[in-house]
């Protein structure tokens, strides 16, 4: 009964918002790009790179970045409702919207026909299943909620870094194959920027001189809703020889694991900064593995709970098949490989090419090229289709 009441309430709310949105849409569209995120309360590196590239080409284009997390606090939820009205205005008056996750106003509203909506997602791939792939799983959404909230609806295009990853996105977002564009995230341009790496490294070792003469092991675990991974974290810590190695743990922003402060660094150093600084990278089911792979550094998968995780969430990638020599449920195996300087880089190369494609550079430029086609509505449809999944699949000969 309670579930039914909630669904009715949501449907009434959607109808109310669409009535208001109908009148907002009467305001003419501007030469404007609006970017939306629920991942944080501030802009991210992908949005910053896109904005910078757009304004570098034409500073007359308006760029709006709207970022806000939905919190459980009742007051914060009320504030979020008013924030949605702000989003509605900017969406209605834009020619292009870019988002990096599910967006309530994007999915539940009926938009102008000429609005281009591009889902870039907040990760460079999907080891773990998500969206429509994980419906009714313990860590996924319920099918009823997905239906009433119109999960991942209204996307004009979705970007993916490779043909293989595009297959996962096709399922997860429930989109047609021809809507998928092959392109990496703008953050890859930063990760591969050697000049910035030099500046970053000098700054980091000035802040943390204790790491200077040691090899750095970076541990970046994925977020688990219920599981407490402190026991397995202790095993990792207890197996490291700290006379030779330094450990940095970069927990998920929502992770509440205690007693890791000793192994963390200032939050001003992002995950992408630490990938550039680290000598070895250990993760589990996090998509950071794909971004790490393009750096050609030893990458390991510590999957102590893989059987349970497969049940509660599901996995797209069989790590024991594709990264066999660097995947283990026992951290001792991984540390042993690090100490013996044993790594199968050929295996890493195959993994990287399969899930990240073959071209890792100029991602921001190529994405903004695509965005500009929709700011200039005179472009022919054939030109717009150039980078779609089917066309690119033929070009990549996959």
Protein backbone atom coordinates (compact mmCIF):
# COMPACT_ATOMS: atom_id res chain seq x y z
CA UNK A 1 0.00 0.00 0.00
CA UNK A 2 2.79 2.43 0.99
CA UNK A 3 4.63 1.72 -2.27
CA UNK A 4 1.48 2.40 -4.27
CA UNK A 5 0.96 5.75 -2.48
CA UNK A 6 4.59 6.73 -3.21
CA UNK A 7 4.17 5.87 -6.91
CA UNK A 8 0.96 7.91 -7.14
CA UNK A 9 2.73 10.81 -5.44
CA UNK A 10 5.62 10.63 -7.90
CA UNK A 11 3.23 10.53 -10.88
CA UNK A 12 1.38 13.60 -9.58
CA UNK A 13 4.70 15.38 -9.03
CA UNK A 14 5.84 14.54 -12.59
CA UNK A 15 2.58 15.85 -14.04
CA UNK A 16 2.91 19.06 -12.01
CA UNK A 17 6.52 19.62 -13.15
CA UNK A 18 5.62 18.98 -16.79
CA UNK A 19 2.82 21.58 -16.62
CA UNK A 20 5.25 24.17 -15.28
CA UNK A 21 7.87 23.08 -17.80
CA UNK A 22 5.40 23.56 -20.66
CA UNK A 23 5.31 27.29 -19.92
CA UNK A 24 9.06 27.54 -19.28
CA UNK A 25 9.63 26.05 -22.75
CA UNK A 26 7.91 29.06 -24.27
CA UNK A 27 11.11 30.99 -23.52
CA UNK A 28 13.31 30.85 -26.68
CA UNK A 29 16.40 28.63 -26.62
CA UNK A 30 19.78 30.34 -26.46
CA UNK A 31 23.12 29.34 -27.86
CA UNK A 32 23.73 27.67 -24.52
CA UNK A 33 25.18 24.44 -23.13
CA UNK A 34 23.98 23.24 -19.73
CA UNK A 35 25.84 20.52 -17.80
CA UNK A 36 24.17 18.62 -14.96
CA UNK A 37 25.52 16.29 -12.25
CA UNK A 38 24.35 14.60 -9.05
CA UNK A 39 27.83 13.24 -8.27
CA UNK A 40 28.98 16.24 -6.22
CA UNK A 41 28.08 19.82 -5.29
CA UNK A 42 30.73 21.33 -7.53
CA UNK A 43 31.93 21.02 -11.09
CA UNK A 44 34.13 18.10 -12.10
CA UNK A 45 37.15 17.77 -14.36
CA UNK A 46 35.10 16.61 -17.36
CA UNK A 47 32.73 19.59 -17.18
CA UNK A 48 35.61 22.00 -16.58
CA UNK A 49 37.49 20.75 -19.65
CA UNK A 50 34.36 20.94 -21.82
CA UNK A 51 33.56 24.48 -20.66
CA UNK A 52 37.14 25.64 -21.23
CA UNK A 53 37.21 24.21 -24.75
CA UNK A 54 33.81 25.72 -25.66
CA UNK A 55 34.72 29.21 -24.43
CA UNK A 56 38.15 29.03 -26.06
CA UNK A 57 36.41 28.59 -29.41
CA UNK A 58 33.52 31.00 -28.86
CA UNK A 59 33.14 33.05 -25.68
CA UNK A 60 29.67 34.17 -26.75
CA UNK A 61 28.27 30.72 -25.99
CA UNK A 62 26.67 30.54 -22.56
CA UNK A 63 27.80 27.61 -20.40
CA UNK A 64 25.89 26.66 -17.25
CA UNK A 65 27.17 23.99 -14.82
CA UNK A 66 24.63 22.75 -12.25
CA UNK A 67 25.86 20.22 -9.67
CA UNK A 68 24.06 19.07 -6.52
CA UNK A 69 23.92 15.83 -4.53
CA UNK A 70 20.54 14.56 -3.29
CA UNK A 71 20.89 14.07 0.48
CA UNK A 72 18.64 12.17 2.90
CA UNK A 73 18.07 15.17 5.16
CA UNK A 74 14.44 16.47 4.71
CA UNK A 75 15.56 20.13 4.49
CA UNK A 76 18.16 19.25 1.86
CA UNK A 77 15.58 17.33 -0.15
CA UNK A 78 13.28 20.38 -0.07
CA UNK A 79 16.16 22.54 -1.31
CA UNK A 80 16.75 20.02 -4.08
CA UNK A 81 13.14 20.43 -5.23
CA UNK A 82 13.70 24.17 -5.72
CA UNK A 83 17.02 23.39 -7.42
CA UNK A 84 15.09 21.28 -9.97
CA UNK A 85 13.15 24.41 -11.03
CA UNK A 86 16.48 26.13 -11.73
CA UNK A 87 17.57 23.14 -13.80
CA UNK A 88 14.29 23.18 -15.71
CA UNK A 89 14.82 26.78 -16.80
CA UNK A 90 18.37 26.18 -18.04
CA UNK A 91 17.46 22.91 -19.78
CA UNK A 92 14.51 24.55 -21.54
CA UNK A 93 16.63 27.46 -22.77
CA UNK A 94 19.64 25.40 -23.92
CA UNK A 95 20.45 23.81 -27.24
CA UNK A 96 22.69 21.15 -25.66
CA UNK A 97 22.63 19.41 -22.28
CA UNK A 98 25.51 17.28 -21.03
CA UNK A 99 25.10 15.05 -17.98
CA UNK A 100 27.26 12.50 -16.17
CA UNK A 101 24.57 10.39 -14.50
CA UNK A 102 20.84 10.01 -14.02
CA UNK A 103 19.11 13.41 -13.94
CA UNK A 104 15.54 13.72 -12.68
CA UNK A 105 14.48 16.70 -14.85
CA UNK A 106 16.15 15.26 -17.96
CA UNK A 107 14.40 11.88 -17.64
CA UNK A 108 10.89 12.82 -16.46
CA UNK A 109 10.19 15.94 -18.55
CA UNK A 110 9.07 16.32 -22.15
CA UNK A 111 11.72 18.45 -23.87
CA UNK A 112 11.89 20.60 -26.98
CA UNK A 113 12.48 18.53 -30.10
CA UNK A 114 15.72 20.32 -30.96
CA UNK A 115 17.36 19.77 -27.54
CA UNK A 116 20.46 17.57 -27.78
CA UNK A 117 21.00 15.56 -24.58
CA UNK A 118 24.40 13.84 -24.23
CA UNK A 119 25.05 11.34 -21.44
CA UNK A 120 28.83 11.15 -20.85
CA UNK A 121 28.52 9.11 -17.57
CA UNK A 122 30.86 9.62 -14.62
CA UNK A 123 33.11 6.64 -15.34
CA UNK A 124 35.19 5.39 -18.26
CA UNK A 125 33.49 2.03 -18.37
CA UNK A 126 31.61 -0.53 -16.31
CA UNK A 127 33.23 -3.52 -14.65
CA UNK A 128 30.16 -3.77 -12.41
CA UNK A 129 26.64 -3.76 -13.83
CA UNK A 130 24.44 -0.70 -13.39
CA UNK A 131 21.24 0.91 -14.59
CA UNK A 132 18.95 -1.50 -16.42
CA UNK A 133 21.60 -4.24 -16.11
CA UNK A 134 21.17 -4.42 -12.33
CA UNK A 135 17.41 -3.99 -11.92
CA UNK A 136 16.06 -5.83 -8.86
CA UNK A 137 19.58 -6.73 -7.72
CA UNK A 138 20.38 -6.00 -4.06
CA UNK A 139 22.64 -3.05 -5.01
CA UNK A 140 20.59 -2.06 -8.05
CA UNK A 141 17.28 -0.24 -8.51
CA UNK A 142 13.87 -1.84 -8.27
CA UNK A 143 12.06 -2.19 -11.58
CA UNK A 144 9.08 -0.24 -10.19
CA UNK A 145 11.23 2.75 -9.23
CA UNK A 146 13.07 2.65 -12.57
CA UNK A 147 9.77 2.70 -14.45
CA UNK A 148 8.07 5.48 -12.52
CA UNK A 149 11.21 7.68 -12.52
CA UNK A 150 11.77 6.96 -16.25
CA UNK A 151 15.37 5.99 -15.53
CA UNK A 152 17.85 7.09 -18.22
CA UNK A 153 15.17 8.29 -20.66
CA UNK A 154 15.43 11.06 -23.28
CA UNK A 155 19.13 10.74 -24.16
CA UNK A 156 19.94 11.83 -27.70
CA UNK A 157 23.42 10.27 -27.50
CA UNK A 158 25.62 8.39 -25.03
CA UNK A 159 29.41 8.41 -25.22
CA UNK A 160 31.50 5.28 -24.65
CA UNK A 161 35.28 4.76 -25.06
CA UNK A 162 35.15 1.53 -27.07
CA UNK A 163 32.87 -0.84 -28.96
CA UNK A 164 32.96 -3.38 -26.10
CA UNK A 165 32.05 -0.77 -23.48
CA UNK A 166 29.32 0.53 -25.80
CA UNK A 167 27.64 -2.88 -25.57
CA UNK A 168 27.40 -2.53 -21.78
CA UNK A 169 26.06 1.01 -22.09
CA UNK A 170 23.48 -0.09 -24.63
CA UNK A 171 22.07 -2.45 -21.96
CA UNK A 172 22.60 -0.21 -18.92
CA UNK A 173 20.98 2.89 -20.43
CA UNK A 174 18.47 0.94 -22.53
CA UNK A 175 19.42 2.96 -25.63
CA UNK A 176 19.58 2.05 -29.30
CA UNK A 177 23.01 1.20 -30.67
CA UNK A 178 23.01 4.09 -33.16
CA UNK A 179 22.79 6.60 -30.30
CA UNK A 180 26.21 5.64 -28.93
CA UNK A 181 29.26 7.77 -29.80
CA UNK A 182 32.76 6.34 -29.45
CA UNK A 183 34.78 8.89 -27.50
CA UNK A 184 36.76 8.94 -24.27
CA UNK A 185 35.98 11.24 -21.35
CA UNK A 186 37.74 14.62 -21.24
CA UNK A 187 39.51 13.55 -18.01
CA UNK A 188 41.73 11.26 -20.09
CA UNK A 189 43.34 14.36 -21.58
CA UNK A 190 44.36 15.38 -18.08
CA UNK A 191 45.53 11.92 -17.05
CA UNK A 192 47.82 11.71 -20.10
CA UNK A 193 49.11 15.29 -19.88
CA UNK A 194 52.86 14.91 -19.22
CA UNK A 195 53.51 18.60 -18.57
CA UNK A 196 50.88 18.72 -15.86
CA UNK A 197 52.25 15.48 -14.43
CA UNK A 198 55.67 17.10 -13.89
CA UNK A 199 54.10 20.07 -12.07
CA UNK A 200 51.83 17.79 -10.04
CA UNK A 201 54.67 15.47 -8.98
CA UNK A 202 56.83 18.36 -7.74
CA UNK A 203 53.91 19.77 -5.77
CA UNK A 204 53.00 16.38 -4.28
CA UNK A 205 56.50 15.51 -3.07
CA UNK A 206 56.86 18.97 -1.60
CA UNK A 207 53.69 18.33 0.43
CA UNK A 208 54.63 14.71 1.20
CA UNK A 209 58.44 14.31 1.22
CA UNK A 210 58.10 11.01 3.14
CA UNK A 211 56.94 9.31 -0.08
CA UNK A 212 59.89 10.51 -2.15
CA UNK A 213 62.24 7.50 -1.86
CA UNK A 214 59.58 4.80 -1.87
CA UNK A 215 57.44 3.10 -4.48
CA UNK A 216 53.82 4.18 -4.04
CA UNK A 217 51.00 1.64 -3.97
CA UNK A 218 47.61 3.26 -4.58
CA UNK A 219 44.48 1.43 -3.39
CA UNK A 220 41.18 2.64 -4.91
CA UNK A 221 38.26 0.43 -3.84
CA UNK A 222 34.74 0.74 -5.18
CA UNK A 223 31.84 1.75 -2.93
CA UNK A 224 29.93 -1.04 -1.18
CA UNK A 225 26.53 -0.14 0.24
CA UNK A 226 26.53 -2.56 3.16
CA UNK A 227 29.78 -4.52 3.28
CA UNK A 228 32.47 -3.50 5.79
CA UNK A 229 35.82 -4.03 4.09
CA UNK A 230 37.97 -3.03 7.08
CA UNK A 231 39.11 -6.64 7.66
CA UNK A 232 40.42 -6.94 4.10
CA UNK A 233 41.93 -3.48 4.30
CA UNK A 234 43.92 -4.61 7.35
CA UNK A 235 45.20 -7.59 5.37
CA UNK A 236 46.44 -5.23 2.68
CA UNK A 237 48.19 -2.99 5.22
CA UNK A 238 49.72 -5.93 7.11
CA UNK A 239 51.29 -7.39 3.96
CA UNK A 240 53.11 -4.27 2.78
CA UNK A 241 56.79 -3.76 3.54
CA UNK A 242 56.73 -0.08 4.52
CA UNK A 243 60.51 0.15 4.41
CA UNK A 244 60.26 -0.09 0.62
CA UNK A 245 56.69 0.93 -0.21
CA UNK A 246 54.24 3.67 0.71
CA UNK A 247 50.49 3.07 0.70
CA UNK A 248 47.90 5.66 -0.31
CA UNK A 249 44.23 4.80 0.06
CA UNK A 250 41.73 6.81 -1.96
CA UNK A 251 38.33 5.78 -0.57
CA UNK A 252 35.06 6.39 -2.34
CA UNK A 253 33.53 9.73 -1.17
CA UNK A 254 30.68 7.82 0.51
CA UNK A 255 32.96 5.24 2.18
CA UNK A 256 32.88 5.42 6.00
CA UNK A 257 35.64 2.90 6.75
CA UNK A 258 37.48 3.94 9.91
CA UNK A 259 41.20 4.07 10.74
CA UNK A 260 42.47 4.86 7.23
CA UNK A 261 43.41 8.49 7.82
CA UNK A 262 47.08 7.52 8.21
CA UNK A 263 47.09 6.30 4.59
CA UNK A 264 45.10 9.09 2.94
CA UNK A 265 46.32 12.38 1.49
CA UNK A 266 44.79 15.83 1.17
CA UNK A 267 41.51 15.82 -0.79
CA UNK A 268 42.94 18.41 -3.16
CA UNK A 269 44.70 15.45 -4.81
CA UNK A 270 42.05 13.76 -6.94
CA UNK A 271 41.98 10.10 -7.91
CA UNK A 272 43.34 11.12 -11.32
CA UNK A 273 46.24 12.97 -9.67
CA UNK A 274 47.10 9.91 -7.62
CA UNK A 275 46.95 7.62 -10.65
CA UNK A 276 49.68 9.77 -12.20
CA UNK A 277 51.80 9.70 -9.05
CA UNK A 278 51.44 6.00 -8.14
CA UNK A 279 53.82 3.23 -9.19
CA UNK A 280 51.30 0.43 -8.60
CA UNK A 281 47.50 0.59 -8.61
CA UNK A 282 45.17 -1.81 -6.79
CA UNK A 283 41.39 -1.66 -7.22
CA UNK A 284 38.49 -4.12 -7.38
CA UNK A 285 35.37 -3.40 -9.47
CA UNK A 286 35.90 0.34 -9.80
CA UNK A 287 35.88 1.88 -13.28
CA UNK A 288 39.05 3.72 -12.27
CA UNK A 289 40.75 0.55 -13.57
CA UNK A 290 40.02 1.63 -17.13
CA UNK A 291 41.54 5.07 -16.60
CA UNK A 292 44.54 3.49 -14.86
CA UNK A 293 45.06 1.09 -17.76
CA UNK A 294 45.95 3.86 -20.22
CA UNK A 295 48.94 4.81 -18.04
CA UNK A 296 50.53 1.38 -18.62
CA UNK A 297 51.36 0.94 -14.93
CA UNK A 298 50.98 -2.37 -13.04
CA UNK A 299 47.26 -2.65 -12.30
CA UNK A 300 45.87 -5.23 -9.86
CA UNK A 301 42.40 -6.39 -8.83
CA UNK A 302 41.86 -7.32 -5.16
CA UNK A 303 38.48 -9.11 -5.38
CA UNK A 304 38.11 -10.77 -1.97
CA UNK A 305 34.27 -10.75 -2.18
CA UNK A 306 33.76 -11.48 -5.87
CA UNK A 307 31.18 -14.28 -5.43
CA UNK A 308 29.02 -12.12 -3.15
CA UNK A 309 29.45 -9.03 -5.33
CA UNK A 310 28.34 -10.98 -8.40
CA UNK A 311 25.12 -11.83 -6.56
CA UNK A 312 24.27 -8.38 -5.21
CA UNK A 313 25.36 -6.31 -8.21
CA UNK A 314 26.62 -8.36 -11.16
CA UNK A 315 29.76 -7.92 -13.28
CA UNK A 316 30.31 -7.13 -16.95
CA UNK A 317 33.98 -8.14 -16.98
CA UNK A 318 35.34 -11.56 -16.03
CA UNK A 319 38.54 -10.39 -14.33
CA UNK A 320 39.86 -13.90 -13.73
CA UNK A 321 39.71 -14.51 -17.49
CA UNK A 322 40.89 -11.17 -18.82
CA UNK A 323 43.36 -10.08 -16.12
CA UNK A 324 44.21 -13.51 -14.76
CA UNK A 325 47.80 -12.80 -13.69
CA UNK A 326 46.87 -9.66 -11.72
CA UNK A 327 43.55 -10.65 -10.13
CA UNK A 328 43.30 -12.40 -6.78
CA UNK A 329 41.07 -12.86 -3.74
CA UNK A 330 44.23 -13.03 -1.61
CA UNK A 331 46.21 -9.80 -1.22
CA UNK A 332 49.36 -11.84 -0.54
CA UNK A 333 49.45 -12.91 -4.21
CA UNK A 334 49.28 -9.31 -5.39
CA UNK A 335 51.97 -8.03 -3.00
CA UNK A 336 54.20 -10.97 -3.97
CA UNK A 337 53.91 -9.99 -7.65
CA UNK A 338 54.78 -6.41 -6.81
CA UNK A 339 57.84 -7.42 -4.78
CA UNK A 340 59.04 -9.83 -7.46
CA UNK A 341 58.52 -7.17 -10.14
CA UNK A 342 56.37 -9.58 -12.12
CA UNK A 343 53.71 -8.15 -14.39
CA UNK A 344 52.03 -9.22 -17.62
CA UNK A 345 51.93 -5.98 -19.62
CA UNK A 346 50.68 -7.80 -22.72
CA UNK A 347 47.56 -8.80 -20.78
CA UNK A 348 47.10 -5.18 -19.66
CA UNK A 349 47.43 -3.96 -23.25
CA UNK A 350 44.64 -6.31 -24.42
CA UNK A 351 42.42 -5.16 -21.54
CA UNK A 352 43.10 -1.50 -22.32
CA UNK A 353 42.43 -1.84 -26.05
CA UNK A 354 39.25 -3.86 -25.54
CA UNK A 355 37.63 -1.47 -23.07
CA UNK A 356 39.26 1.89 -23.84
CA UNK A 357 39.75 1.62 -27.60
CA UNK A 358 42.92 2.58 -29.45
CA UNK A 359 42.88 6.39 -29.37
CA UNK A 360 43.20 7.99 -25.92
CA UNK A 361 43.98 11.59 -26.88
CA UNK A 362 42.03 14.77 -27.81
CA UNK A 363 38.84 13.54 -26.17
CA UNK A 364 37.69 17.02 -25.14
CA UNK A 365 38.24 18.44 -28.61
CA UNK A 366 36.32 15.63 -30.30
CA UNK A 367 33.43 15.86 -27.85
CA UNK A 368 33.16 19.64 -28.23
CA UNK A 369 33.30 19.19 -32.03
CA UNK A 370 30.19 17.04 -31.62
CA UNK A 371 28.50 19.53 -29.28
CA UNK A 372 29.12 22.38 -31.75
CA UNK A 373 27.19 20.54 -34.43
CA UNK A 374 24.08 21.08 -32.34
CA UNK A 375 24.84 24.70 -31.63
CA UNK A 376 24.84 25.16 -35.40
CA UNK A 377 21.55 23.63 -36.53
CA UNK A 378 22.38 23.92 -40.23
CA UNK A 379 24.70 20.88 -40.10
CA UNK A 380 23.55 17.95 -42.22
CA UNK A 381 22.37 14.74 -40.53
CA UNK A 382 25.08 12.70 -42.31
CA UNK A 383 27.80 14.75 -40.60
CA UNK A 384 26.21 14.29 -37.19
CA UNK A 385 26.28 10.49 -37.61
CA UNK A 386 30.03 10.34 -38.22
CA UNK A 387 31.02 9.23 -34.72
CA UNK A 388 28.09 6.98 -33.89
CA UNK A 389 28.61 3.41 -32.70
CA UNK A 390 27.83 1.68 -36.00
CA UNK A 391 30.01 3.97 -38.13
CA UNK A 392 32.90 3.84 -35.67
CA UNK A 393 32.66 0.07 -35.32
CA UNK A 394 33.39 -0.24 -39.03
CA UNK A 395 36.26 2.26 -38.82
CA UNK A 396 37.85 0.51 -35.84
CA UNK A 397 37.51 -2.85 -37.59
CA UNK A 398 36.28 -4.53 -34.41
